[in-house]
C-alpha atoms as a PDB file:
ATOM      1  CA  MET A   1     -41.706 -67.514  11.650  1.00  0.00           C
ATOM      2  CA  LEU A   2     -41.904 -69.495   8.360  1.00  0.00           C
ATOM      3  CA  THR A   3     -38.747 -71.128   6.931  1.00  0.00           C
ATOM      4  CA  LEU A   4     -38.566 -72.639   3.449  1.00  0.00           C
ATOM      5  CA  ARG A   5     -35.419 -74.670   2.366  1.00  0.00           C
ATOM      6  CA  ASP A   6     -34.946 -76.631  -1.049  1.00  0.00           C
ATOM      7  CA  VAL A   7     -38.608 -76.563  -1.583  1.00  0.00           C
ATOM      8  CA  ARG A   8     -39.953 -77.839  -4.853  1.00  0.00           C
ATOM      9  CA  LYS A   9     -43.418 -78.411  -6.284  1.00  0.00           C
ATOM     10  CA  THR A  10     -43.795 -80.059  -9.558  1.00  0.00           C
ATOM     11  CA  ARG A  11     -46.643 -80.740 -11.730  1.00  0.00           C
ATOM     12  CA  GLY A  12     -47.286 -82.495 -15.113  1.00  0.00           C
ATOM     13  CA  GLU A  13     -44.728 -84.340 -17.170  1.00  0.00           C
ATOM     14  CA  GLY A  14     -42.444 -83.755 -20.323  1.00  0.00           C
ATOM     15  CA  ARG A  15     -43.269 -80.614 -22.163  1.00  0.00           C
ATOM     16  CA  GLN A  16     -46.190 -80.010 -19.712  1.00  0.00           C
ATOM     17  CA  ARG A  17     -43.931 -80.249 -16.651  1.00  0.00           C
ATOM     18  CA  TYR A  18     -43.661 -77.201 -14.379  1.00  0.00           C
ATOM     19  CA  SER A  19     -41.402 -77.078 -11.329  1.00  0.00           C
ATOM     20  CA  LEU A  20     -41.244 -74.397  -8.699  1.00  0.00           C
ATOM     21  CA  VAL A  21     -37.897 -74.132  -6.815  1.00  0.00           C
ATOM     22  CA  VAL A  22     -37.425 -72.123  -3.628  1.00  0.00           C
ATOM     23  CA  PRO A  23     -33.778 -72.628  -2.413  1.00  0.00           C
ATOM     24  CA  ARG A  24     -34.242 -70.403   0.609  1.00  0.00           C
ATOM     25  CA  PHE A  25     -36.995 -68.170   1.914  1.00  0.00           C
ATOM     26  CA  ASP A  26     -37.689 -66.886   5.390  1.00  0.00           C
ATOM     27  CA  LEU A  27     -40.733 -64.917   6.600  1.00  0.00           C
ATOM     28  CA  GLU A  28     -40.176 -62.801   9.606  1.00  0.00           C
ATOM     29  CA  PRO A  29     -42.843 -60.561  11.627  1.00  0.00           C
ATOM     30  CA  GLY A  30     -43.287 -57.371   9.905  1.00  0.00           C
ATOM     31  CA  GLN A  31     -41.669 -58.317   6.586  1.00  0.00           C
ATOM     32  CA  ARG A  32     -43.324 -56.679   3.598  1.00  0.00           C
ATOM     33  CA  ILE A  33     -42.579 -58.966   0.462  1.00  0.00           C
ATOM     34  CA  ALA A  34     -43.691 -58.932  -3.252  1.00  0.00           C
ATOM     35  CA  LEU A  35     -43.515 -62.029  -5.207  1.00  0.00           C
ATOM     36  CA  VAL A  36     -42.887 -60.652  -8.846  1.00  0.00           C
ATOM     37  CA  GLY A  37     -43.144 -62.582 -11.927  1.00  0.00           C
ATOM     38  CA  PRO A  38     -45.439 -62.889 -15.204  1.00  0.00           C
ATOM     39  CA  SER A  39     -48.478 -64.913 -15.296  1.00  0.00           C
ATOM     40  CA  GLY A  40     -47.897 -68.698 -15.096  1.00  0.00           C
ATOM     41  CA  SER A  41     -44.476 -67.993 -13.140  1.00  0.00           C
ATOM     42  CA  GLY A  42     -45.676 -69.844  -9.913  1.00  0.00           C
ATOM     43  CA  LYS A  43     -46.635 -66.894  -7.779  1.00  0.00           C
ATOM     44  CA  SER A  44     -49.990 -68.440  -6.850  1.00  0.00           C
ATOM     45  CA  THR A  45     -48.540 -71.790  -6.246  1.00  0.00           C
ATOM     46  CA  LEU A  46     -45.943 -70.318  -3.900  1.00  0.00           C
ATOM     47  CA  LEU A  47     -48.701 -68.563  -2.057  1.00  0.00           C
ATOM     48  CA  ASP A  48     -50.684 -71.821  -1.541  1.00  0.00           C
ATOM     49  CA  LEU A  49     -47.492 -73.381  -0.234  1.00  0.00           C
ATOM     50  CA  LEU A  50     -47.187 -70.502   2.213  1.00  0.00           C
ATOM     51  CA  ALA A  51     -50.904 -70.717   3.093  1.00  0.00           C
ATOM     52  CA  LEU A  52     -50.538 -74.374   3.983  1.00  0.00           C
ATOM     53  CA  VAL A  53     -53.126 -75.435   1.407  1.00  0.00           C
ATOM     54  CA  LEU A  54     -50.659 -77.227  -0.853  1.00  0.00           C
ATOM     55  CA  SER A  55     -48.144 -79.855  -0.312  1.00  0.00           C
ATOM     56  CA  PRO A  56     -44.518 -79.590  -1.340  1.00  0.00           C
ATOM     57  CA  ASP A  57     -42.583 -82.334  -3.154  1.00  0.00           C
ATOM     58  CA  PRO A  58     -40.784 -84.936  -1.052  1.00  0.00           C
ATOM     59  CA  GLY A  59     -37.456 -83.802   0.287  1.00  0.00           C
ATOM     60  CA  SER A  60     -38.733 -80.165   0.749  1.00  0.00           C
ATOM     61  CA  ARG A  61     -38.329 -78.423   4.256  1.00  0.00           C
ATOM     62  CA  ILE A  62     -41.018 -76.199   5.563  1.00  0.00           C
ATOM     63  CA  GLU A  63     -40.926 -75.151   9.254  1.00  0.00           C
ATOM     64  CA  LEU A  64     -43.395 -72.858  10.914  1.00  0.00           C
ATOM     65  CA  THR A  65     -42.734 -71.180  14.455  1.00  0.00           C
ATOM     66  CA  ALA A  66     -45.917 -70.029  16.292  1.00  0.00           C
ATOM     67  CA  ASN A  67     -46.836 -69.153  19.763  1.00  0.00           C
ATOM     68  CA  GLY A  68     -43.423 -70.644  20.994  1.00  0.00           C
ATOM     69  CA  ARG A  69     -43.909 -74.062  19.136  1.00  0.00           C
ATOM     70  CA  ASN A  70     -42.167 -75.451  16.140  1.00  0.00           C
ATOM     71  CA  HIS A  71     -44.183 -77.277  13.474  1.00  0.00           C
ATOM     72  CA  ASP A  72     -42.547 -79.432  10.650  1.00  0.00           C
ATOM     73  CA  ILE A  73     -44.992 -78.571   7.839  1.00  0.00           C
ATOM     74  CA  ALA A  74     -43.439 -80.946   5.295  1.00  0.00           C
ATOM     75  CA  ALA A  75     -43.704 -83.812   7.946  1.00  0.00           C
ATOM     76  CA  LEU A  76     -47.449 -82.927   8.582  1.00  0.00           C
ATOM     77  CA  TRP A  77     -48.195 -83.178   4.883  1.00  0.00           C
ATOM     78  CA  ARG A  78     -46.354 -86.474   4.650  1.00  0.00           C
ATOM     79  CA  SER A  79     -48.353 -87.976   7.601  1.00  0.00           C
ATOM     80  CA  GLY A  80     -51.625 -86.678   6.257  1.00  0.00           C
ATOM     81  CA  ARG A  81     -52.307 -84.384   9.489  1.00  0.00           C
ATOM     82  CA  GLN A  82     -54.927 -82.425   7.559  1.00  0.00           C
ATOM     83  CA  ASN A  83     -56.646 -81.394  10.766  1.00  0.00           C
ATOM     84  CA  VAL A  84     -53.498 -79.848  12.353  1.00  0.00           C
ATOM     85  CA  LEU A  85     -52.762 -78.079   9.094  1.00  0.00           C
ATOM     86  CA  ALA A  86     -56.201 -76.640   8.815  1.00  0.00           C
ATOM     87  CA  ASP A  87     -55.973 -75.445  12.413  1.00  0.00           C
ATOM     88  CA  LEU A  88     -52.675 -73.756  11.854  1.00  0.00           C
ATOM     89  CA  ARG A  89     -54.041 -72.245   8.694  1.00  0.00           C
ATOM     90  CA  SER A  90     -57.179 -70.840  10.199  1.00  0.00           C
ATOM     91  CA  HIS A  91     -55.447 -69.186  13.087  1.00  0.00           C
ATOM     92  CA  LEU A  92     -52.201 -67.795  11.519  1.00  0.00           C
ATOM     93  CA  VAL A  93     -52.949 -66.964   7.954  1.00  0.00           C
ATOM     94  CA  GLY A  94     -55.052 -64.288   6.256  1.00  0.00           C
ATOM     95  CA  TYR A  95     -55.823 -64.582   2.459  1.00  0.00           C
ATOM     96  CA  VAL A  96     -56.803 -61.728   0.063  1.00  0.00           C
ATOM     97  CA  LEU A  97     -57.942 -63.347  -3.147  1.00  0.00           C
ATOM     98  CA  GLN A  98     -57.668 -61.798  -6.548  1.00  0.00           C
ATOM     99  CA  THR A  99     -61.304 -61.107  -6.783  1.00  0.00           C
ATOM    100  CA  GLY A 100     -62.026 -60.450  -3.153  1.00  0.00           C
ATOM    101  CA  GLY A 101     -63.898 -63.643  -2.679  1.00  0.00           C
ATOM    102  CA  LEU A 102     -66.690 -62.227  -0.712  1.00  0.00           C
ATOM    103  CA  LEU A 103     -69.873 -64.043  -0.064  1.00  0.00           C
ATOM    104  CA  GLY A 104     -72.754 -62.306  -1.863  1.00  0.00           C
ATOM    105  CA  PHE A 105     -75.619 -63.053   0.630  1.00  0.00           C
ATOM    106  CA  LEU A 106     -73.634 -61.321   3.441  1.00  0.00           C
ATOM    107  CA  ASN A 107     -73.231 -57.565   3.867  1.00  0.00           C
ATOM    108  CA  VAL A 108     -69.841 -55.928   3.962  1.00  0.00           C
ATOM    109  CA  GLU A 109     -69.814 -55.937   8.010  1.00  0.00           C
ATOM    110  CA  ARG A 110     -70.453 -59.631   8.137  1.00  0.00           C
ATOM    111  CA  ASN A 111     -68.139 -60.419   5.387  1.00  0.00           C
ATOM    112  CA  ILE A 112     -65.277 -58.629   7.455  1.00  0.00           C
ATOM    113  CA  GLY A 113     -66.243 -60.480  10.408  1.00  0.00           C
ATOM    114  CA  LEU A 114     -66.300 -63.725   8.907  1.00  0.00           C
ATOM    115  CA  SER A 115     -62.774 -65.035   9.735  1.00  0.00           C
ATOM    116  CA  ARG A 116     -63.433 -64.161  13.343  1.00  0.00           C
ATOM    117  CA  ALA A 117     -66.816 -65.965  13.148  1.00  0.00           C
ATOM    118  CA  LEU A 118     -65.376 -69.097  11.804  1.00  0.00           C
ATOM    119  CA  LEU A 119     -62.873 -69.082  14.613  1.00  0.00           C
ATOM    120  CA  GLY A 120     -65.629 -68.725  17.274  1.00  0.00           C
ATOM    121  CA  LEU A 121     -64.067 -65.281  18.385  1.00  0.00           C
ATOM    122  CA  PRO A 122     -66.173 -62.556  19.816  1.00  0.00           C
ATOM    123  CA  THR A 123     -67.468 -59.583  18.000  1.00  0.00           C
ATOM    124  CA  ASP A 124     -64.759 -56.944  18.090  1.00  0.00           C
ATOM    125  CA  PRO A 125     -64.474 -53.198  17.419  1.00  0.00           C
ATOM    126  CA  ALA A 126     -61.623 -54.273  15.088  1.00  0.00           C
ATOM    127  CA  VAL A 127     -64.163 -54.675  12.280  1.00  0.00           C
ATOM    128  CA  GLN A 128     -65.209 -51.060  12.488  1.00  0.00           C
ATOM    129  CA  ARG A 129     -61.773 -49.811  13.097  1.00  0.00           C
ATOM    130  CA  LEU A 130     -60.597 -51.740   9.875  1.00  0.00           C
ATOM    131  CA  ALA A 131     -63.440 -50.448   7.738  1.00  0.00           C
ATOM    132  CA  GLU A 132     -62.460 -46.827   8.813  1.00  0.00           C
ATOM    133  CA  ARG A 133     -58.905 -47.357   7.929  1.00  0.00           C
ATOM    134  CA  LEU A 134     -59.608 -48.893   4.535  1.00  0.00           C
ATOM    135  CA  GLU A 135     -62.221 -46.130   3.652  1.00  0.00           C
ATOM    136  CA  ILE A 136     -65.258 -48.489   3.572  1.00  0.00           C
ATOM    137  CA  ALA A 137     -66.939 -47.686   6.933  1.00  0.00           C
ATOM    138  CA  ASP A 138     -69.957 -46.209   4.959  1.00  0.00           C
ATOM    139  CA  GLN A 139     -70.389 -49.361   3.128  1.00  0.00           C
ATOM    140  CA  LEU A 140     -70.871 -51.876   6.030  1.00  0.00           C
ATOM    141  CA  SER A 141     -74.576 -52.525   5.476  1.00  0.00           C
ATOM    142  CA  LYS A 142     -74.304 -53.027   1.738  1.00  0.00           C
ATOM    143  CA  LYS A 143     -74.122 -56.388  -0.281  1.00  0.00           C
ATOM    144  CA  PRO A 144     -70.794 -56.848  -2.231  1.00  0.00           C
ATOM    145  CA  SER A 145     -72.710 -56.344  -5.466  1.00  0.00           C
ATOM    146  CA  ALA A 146     -73.571 -52.791  -4.504  1.00  0.00           C
ATOM    147  CA  LEU A 147     -69.693 -51.984  -4.328  1.00  0.00           C
ATOM    148  CA  SER A 148     -67.064 -50.890  -6.782  1.00  0.00           C
ATOM    149  CA  VAL A 149     -64.197 -53.325  -7.552  1.00  0.00           C
ATOM    150  CA  GLY A 150     -61.936 -51.330  -5.543  1.00  0.00           C
ATOM    151  CA  GLN A 151     -64.156 -51.353  -2.489  1.00  0.00           C
ATOM    152  CA  ARG A 152     -64.688 -55.135  -2.731  1.00  0.00           C
ATOM    153  CA  GLN A 153     -60.845 -55.638  -2.641  1.00  0.00           C
ATOM    154  CA  ARG A 154     -60.588 -53.328   0.376  1.00  0.00           C
ATOM    155  CA  VAL A 155     -63.311 -55.540   2.092  1.00  0.00           C
ATOM    156  CA  GLY A 156     -61.282 -58.772   1.258  1.00  0.00           C
ATOM    157  CA  ILE A 157     -58.122 -57.187   2.963  1.00  0.00           C
ATOM    158  CA  ALA A 158     -60.274 -56.160   6.119  1.00  0.00           C
ATOM    159  CA  ARG A 159     -61.544 -59.788   6.135  1.00  0.00           C
ATOM    160  CA  ALA A 160     -57.956 -61.184   5.935  1.00  0.00           C
ATOM    161  CA  LEU A 161     -56.691 -58.916   8.788  1.00  0.00           C
ATOM    162  CA  ALA A 162     -59.841 -59.134  11.273  1.00  0.00           C
ATOM    163  CA  HIS A 163     -58.748 -62.253  13.131  1.00  0.00           C
ATOM    164  CA  ASP A 164     -55.185 -60.687  13.745  1.00  0.00           C
ATOM    165  CA  PRO A 165     -53.195 -63.441  11.752  1.00  0.00           C
ATOM    166  CA  PRO A 166     -49.383 -63.017  11.819  1.00  0.00           C
ATOM    167  CA  ILE A 167     -49.256 -63.637   8.069  1.00  0.00           C
ATOM    168  CA  VAL A 168     -51.281 -62.054   5.329  1.00  0.00           C
ATOM    169  CA  LEU A 169     -50.940 -63.292   1.740  1.00  0.00           C
ATOM    170  CA  ALA A 170     -52.510 -61.456  -1.253  1.00  0.00           C
ATOM    171  CA  ASP A 171     -52.836 -63.011  -4.713  1.00  0.00           C
ATOM    172  CA  GLU A 172     -52.701 -60.201  -7.385  1.00  0.00           C
ATOM    173  CA  PRO A 173     -54.925 -57.778  -5.333  1.00  0.00           C
ATOM    174  CA  THR A 174     -54.823 -55.026  -7.758  1.00  0.00           C
ATOM    175  CA  ALA A 175     -54.935 -56.990 -11.048  1.00  0.00           C
ATOM    176  CA  SER A 176     -58.414 -55.929 -11.878  1.00  0.00           C
ATOM    177  CA  LEU A 177     -58.076 -52.236 -10.894  1.00  0.00           C
ATOM    178  CA  ASP A 178     -57.163 -49.090 -12.838  1.00  0.00           C
ATOM    179  CA  PRO A 179     -53.644 -47.588 -11.994  1.00  0.00           C
ATOM    180  CA  LEU A 180     -54.913 -44.952  -9.659  1.00  0.00           C
ATOM    181  CA  ASN A 181     -56.994 -47.513  -7.629  1.00  0.00           C
ATOM    182  CA  ALA A 182     -54.278 -49.998  -7.719  1.00  0.00           C
ATOM    183  CA  GLU A 183     -51.831 -47.647  -6.139  1.00  0.00           C
ATOM    184  CA  ARG A 184     -54.443 -46.711  -3.452  1.00  0.00           C
ATOM    185  CA  VAL A 185     -55.417 -50.346  -2.634  1.00  0.00           C
ATOM    186  CA  MET A 186     -51.885 -51.475  -2.394  1.00  0.00           C
ATOM    187  CA  ARG A 187     -50.921 -48.624  -0.206  1.00  0.00           C
ATOM    188  CA  LEU A 188     -53.785 -49.439   2.067  1.00  0.00           C
ATOM    189  CA  LEU A 189     -53.008 -52.963   2.258  1.00  0.00           C
ATOM    190  CA  VAL A 190     -49.328 -52.446   3.204  1.00  0.00           C
ATOM    191  CA  ALA A 191     -50.097 -49.454   5.665  1.00  0.00           C
ATOM    192  CA  GLN A 192     -52.565 -51.900   7.650  1.00  0.00           C
ATOM    193  CA  ALA A 193     -49.979 -54.660   7.606  1.00  0.00           C
ATOM    194  CA  GLU A 194     -47.344 -52.305   8.897  1.00  0.00           C
ATOM    195  CA  GLU A 195     -49.834 -50.901  11.565  1.00  0.00           C
ATOM    196  CA  ARG A 196     -50.393 -54.265  12.887  1.00  0.00           C
ATOM    197  CA  GLY A 197     -46.909 -55.685  12.539  1.00  0.00           C
ATOM    198  CA  VAL A 198     -47.764 -58.668  10.462  1.00  0.00           C
ATOM    199  CA  CYS A 199     -45.819 -60.211   7.734  1.00  0.00           C
ATOM    200  CA  ILE A 200     -47.341 -59.612   4.281  1.00  0.00           C
ATOM    201  CA  VAL A 201     -46.638 -61.337   0.917  1.00  0.00           C
ATOM    202  CA  VAL A 202     -48.176 -59.950  -2.216  1.00  0.00           C
ATOM    203  CA  ALA A 203     -48.189 -61.757  -5.529  1.00  0.00           C
ATOM    204  CA  THR A 204     -47.972 -59.112  -8.192  1.00  0.00           C
ATOM    205  CA  HIS A 205     -46.637 -58.702 -11.813  1.00  0.00           C
ATOM    206  CA  ASP A 206     -45.954 -54.984 -11.083  1.00  0.00           C
ATOM    207  CA  ALA A 207     -42.584 -54.644  -9.535  1.00  0.00           C
ATOM    208  CA  SER A 208     -42.663 -50.893  -9.677  1.00  0.00           C
ATOM    209  CA  LEU A 209     -45.937 -50.571  -7.841  1.00  0.00           C
ATOM    210  CA  ALA A 210     -44.753 -53.064  -5.221  1.00  0.00           C
ATOM    211  CA  ARG A 211     -41.619 -50.929  -4.642  1.00  0.00           C
ATOM    212  CA  ARG A 212     -43.522 -47.729  -4.415  1.00  0.00           C
ATOM    213  CA  ALA A 213     -45.734 -49.359  -1.897  1.00  0.00           C
ATOM    214  CA  GLY A 214     -42.671 -50.273   0.298  1.00  0.00           C
ATOM    215  CA  LEU A 215     -42.588 -53.961  -0.603  1.00  0.00           C
ATOM    216  CA  GLN A 216     -39.258 -55.841  -1.078  1.00  0.00           C
ATOM    217  CA  PRO A 217     -39.483 -57.702  -4.389  1.00  0.00           C
ATOM    218  CA  TRP A 218     -38.563 -61.271  -4.799  1.00  0.00           C
ATOM    219  CA  GLU A 219     -38.538 -62.544  -8.329  1.00  0.00           C
ATOM    220  CA  LEU A 220     -39.552 -65.671  -9.901  1.00  0.00           C
ATOM    221  CA  GLN A 221     -37.305 -66.343 -12.971  1.00  0.00           C
ATOM    222  CA  VAL A 222     -38.549 -68.871 -15.366  1.00  0.00           C
ATOM    223  CA  ARG A 223     -36.132 -70.845 -17.675  1.00  0.00           C
ATOM    224  CA  PRO A 224     -36.735 -73.926 -19.825  1.00  0.00           C
ATOM    225  CA  GLY A 225     -36.447 -77.353 -18.132  1.00  0.00           C
ATOM    226  CA  ASP A 226     -34.082 -80.322 -19.296  1.00  0.00           C
ATOM    227  CA  ASP A 227     -37.224 -82.235 -20.350  1.00  0.00           C
ATOM    228  CA  GLY A 228     -38.997 -79.592 -22.436  1.00  0.00           C
ATOM    229  CA  GLY A 229     -40.835 -78.216 -19.500  1.00  0.00           C
ATOM    230  CA  VAL A 230     -40.225 -75.186 -17.422  1.00  0.00           C
ATOM    231  CA  THR A 231     -38.684 -74.326 -13.995  1.00  0.00           C
ATOM    232  CA  ALA A 232     -39.303 -71.094 -11.995  1.00  0.00           C
ATOM    233  CA  THR A 233     -36.770 -70.409  -9.323  1.00  0.00           C
ATOM    234  CA  LEU A 234     -37.360 -67.708  -6.576  1.00  0.00           C
ATOM    235  CA  GLY A 235     -34.776 -65.319  -5.640  1.00  0.00           C
ATOM    236  CA  ALA A 236     -34.392 -61.789  -4.117  1.00  0.00           C
ATOM    237  CA  ALA A 237     -34.518 -59.215  -6.779  1.00  0.00           C
ATOM    238  CA  PRO A 238     -31.629 -56.808  -7.410  1.00  0.00           C
END
């Protein structure tokens, strides 16, 4: 579905230089993956590459297969085809932000349905079903400010899934939760991804939590670069 080969993303120069290196990474339908590494290791950078919101360095290969069509993502970036990238992104990717990213002026039901509304999709019972599965059905009429942190994260998960994307990305979705709620939210996220047969990639610093939730860890290993900066390389965790 999404193939990365010899992908790099570099920022800064000299001692401030940071390079993310992805020698080989494949996403297939139904996969459940955790990107594991400490803060600053490049987990969010890699998620942004997968979400098609960040361009790779020249020479990188990123290919996407969707609806029977192959898309050369690196070529689209090189040619400035932002409209094509935006269309692919909006239809194929659901994104769970670390803080939920909810709109405070919309109630829970409309926040969940926002991804569908932006695509012009009709109202669907999926919103109610998702709310029930994620244990927030009794919160649909409330504004985000009336919810707990854990509830807001579950609303963010529901919104990412509501338009049925084949890929769901989550950036540290349990970072601001206590251990009990972190376990609960992670398991609910993975369960819903599994039920829908979507590929899920979760960035987390907690490899143990990822494994308990049924995610396959991929580790970002950080080492000093030759010029005084740092290089983070992605590889399957043992």
